[in-house]
Amino acid sequence: MMTAHEALTLQMLEWIQARPHLYADVLEVWRTTCPRLSIWEDACADGLIECPQGYAGPVAVSAKGRTLLSASRLGKACLAR
C-alpha cells in the first residue's frame, strides 16, 4: 500500500511533467512548513526534480523522477488486471 507521502510525491511529479512550471510557481503550490509532509523538499533531496536554469527558470522531472513515475504507472497497470 502506498503512503500519503509517496502518493503526493507522485502527484507532484505528474503535475510538473504535465506542463512547464516556473520554480516560484512550484514552490507556491508544493512547499510546506509541515515536517511530516515535506513533499517538495524531499523530492529535491531525493533527486526527483531538477532546476536546470536555477530559481528563475522552469522545473523539470529528473531521470530518476521519470523512472519512479514509470514504475508507479506499471504497478497501477498490474493492479488493474
C-alpha atoms as a PDB file:
ATOM      1  CA  MET A   1       0.000   0.000   0.000  1.00  0.00           C
ATOM      2  CA  MET A   2       1.298   3.441  -0.907  1.00  0.00           C
ATOM      3  CA  THR A   3       1.775   6.018   1.848  1.00  0.00           C
ATOM      4  CA  ALA A   4       0.273   9.501   1.647  1.00  0.00           C
ATOM      5  CA  HIS A   5       3.780  10.906   1.199  1.00  0.00           C
ATOM      6  CA  GLU A   6       4.506   8.608  -1.748  1.00  0.00           C
ATOM      7  CA  ALA A   7       1.142   9.363  -3.358  1.00  0.00           C
ATOM      8  CA  LEU A   8       1.654  13.117  -3.029  1.00  0.00           C
ATOM      9  CA  THR A   9       5.181  12.840  -4.417  1.00  0.00           C
ATOM     10  CA  LEU A  10       3.865  11.034  -7.493  1.00  0.00           C
ATOM     11  CA  GLN A  11       1.075  13.587  -7.841  1.00  0.00           C
ATOM     12  CA  MET A  12       3.608  16.418  -7.752  1.00  0.00           C
ATOM     13  CA  LEU A  13       5.860  14.726 -10.329  1.00  0.00           C
ATOM     14  CA  GLU A  14       2.892  14.166 -12.652  1.00  0.00           C
ATOM     15  CA  TRP A  15       1.839  17.803 -12.206  1.00  0.00           C
ATOM     16  CA  ILE A  16       5.339  19.058 -13.046  1.00  0.00           C
ATOM     17  CA  GLN A  17       5.667  16.734 -16.027  1.00  0.00           C
ATOM     18  CA  ALA A  18       2.258  17.703 -17.468  1.00  0.00           C
ATOM     19  CA  ARG A  19       3.388  21.195 -18.478  1.00  0.00           C
ATOM     20  CA  PRO A  20       6.204  23.635 -17.722  1.00  0.00           C
ATOM     21  CA  HIS A  21       6.093  25.360 -14.330  1.00  0.00           C
ATOM     22  CA  LEU A  22       8.459  28.029 -13.077  1.00  0.00           C
ATOM     23  CA  TYR A  23      10.381  27.400  -9.867  1.00  0.00           C
ATOM     24  CA  ALA A  24       8.432  30.091  -7.993  1.00  0.00           C
ATOM     25  CA  ASP A  25       5.093  28.603  -9.083  1.00  0.00           C
ATOM     26  CA  VAL A  26       6.083  25.107  -7.964  1.00  0.00           C
ATOM     27  CA  LEU A  27       7.228  26.435  -4.612  1.00  0.00           C
ATOM     28  CA  GLU A  28       3.988  28.343  -4.136  1.00  0.00           C
ATOM     29  CA  VAL A  29       1.953  25.187  -4.674  1.00  0.00           C
ATOM     30  CA  TRP A  30       4.135  22.465  -3.128  1.00  0.00           C
ATOM     31  CA  ARG A  31       6.331  23.981  -0.436  1.00  0.00           C
ATOM     32  CA  THR A  32       5.210  23.304   3.118  1.00  0.00           C
ATOM     33  CA  THR A  33       6.238  24.019   6.666  1.00  0.00           C
ATOM     34  CA  CYS A  34       4.818  20.700   7.858  1.00  0.00           C
ATOM     35  CA  PRO A  35       7.740  18.373   8.658  1.00  0.00           C
ATOM     36  CA  ARG A  36       5.567  15.311   8.088  1.00  0.00           C
ATOM     37  CA  LEU A  37       4.605  16.234   4.512  1.00  0.00           C
ATOM     38  CA  SER A  38       7.672  17.872   3.035  1.00  0.00           C
ATOM     39  CA  ILE A  39       6.904  16.686  -0.495  1.00  0.00           C
ATOM     40  CA  TRP A  40       8.832  19.375  -2.415  1.00  0.00           C
ATOM     41  CA  GLU A  41      11.809  19.336  -0.079  1.00  0.00           C
ATOM     42  CA  ASP A  42      12.081  15.543  -0.085  1.00  0.00           C
ATOM     43  CA  ALA A  43      11.748  15.346  -3.877  1.00  0.00           C
ATOM     44  CA  CYS A  44      14.618  17.833  -4.186  1.00  0.00           C
ATOM     45  CA  ALA A  45      16.758  15.886  -1.717  1.00  0.00           C
ATOM     46  CA  ASP A  46      15.971  12.594  -3.470  1.00  0.00           C
ATOM     47  CA  GLY A  47      16.965  13.950  -6.893  1.00  0.00           C
ATOM     48  CA  LEU A  48      13.484  13.533  -8.390  1.00  0.00           C
ATOM     49  CA  ILE A  49      13.351  17.027  -9.862  1.00  0.00           C
ATOM     50  CA  GLU A  50      15.806  19.384 -11.494  1.00  0.00           C
ATOM     51  CA  CYS A  51      16.022  23.115 -12.000  1.00  0.00           C
ATOM     52  CA  PRO A  52      18.425  23.475 -14.939  1.00  0.00           C
ATOM     53  CA  GLN A  53      18.105  27.283 -15.088  1.00  0.00           C
ATOM     54  CA  GLY A  54      18.121  27.848 -11.348  1.00  0.00           C
ATOM     55  CA  TYR A  55      15.464  29.625  -9.345  1.00  0.00           C
ATOM     56  CA  ALA A  56      14.222  31.786 -12.231  1.00  0.00           C
ATOM     57  CA  GLY A  57      13.603  29.006 -14.722  1.00  0.00           C
ATOM     58  CA  PRO A  58      11.317  26.049 -15.181  1.00  0.00           C
ATOM     59  CA  VAL A  59      11.347  22.943 -13.024  1.00  0.00           C
ATOM     60  CA  ALA A  60      11.555  19.502 -14.648  1.00  0.00           C
ATOM     61  CA  VAL A  61      11.202  15.909 -13.538  1.00  0.00           C
ATOM     62  CA  SER A  62      14.664  14.321 -13.450  1.00  0.00           C
ATOM     63  CA  ALA A  63      15.542  10.961 -14.995  1.00  0.00           C
ATOM     64  CA  LYS A  64      15.212   9.407 -11.535  1.00  0.00           C
ATOM     65  CA  GLY A  65      11.777  11.017 -11.144  1.00  0.00           C
ATOM     66  CA  ARG A  66      10.652   9.758 -14.561  1.00  0.00           C
ATOM     67  CA  THR A  67      11.764   6.248 -13.592  1.00  0.00           C
ATOM     68  CA  LEU A  68       9.705   6.481 -10.404  1.00  0.00           C
ATOM     69  CA  LEU A  69       6.654   7.661 -12.381  1.00  0.00           C
ATOM     70  CA  SER A  70       7.055   4.838 -14.907  1.00  0.00           C
ATOM     71  CA  ALA A  71       7.350   2.247 -12.149  1.00  0.00           C
ATOM     72  CA  SER A  72       4.239   3.657 -10.494  1.00  0.00           C
ATOM     73  CA  ARG A  73       2.243   3.514 -13.721  1.00  0.00           C
ATOM     74  CA  LEU A  74       3.423  -0.050 -14.334  1.00  0.00           C
ATOM     75  CA  GLY A  75       2.306  -1.007 -10.834  1.00  0.00           C
ATOM     76  CA  LYS A  76      -1.116   0.569 -11.380  1.00  0.00           C
ATOM     77  CA  ALA A  77      -1.486  -1.324 -14.660  1.00  0.00           C
ATOM     78  CA  CYS A  78      -0.648  -4.616 -12.946  1.00  0.00           C
ATOM     79  CA  LEU A  79      -3.164  -3.947 -10.162  1.00  0.00           C
ATOM     80  CA  ALA A  80      -5.879  -3.167 -12.703  1.00  0.00           C
ATOM     81  CA  ARG A  81      -5.640  -6.644 -14.234  1.00  0.00           C
END
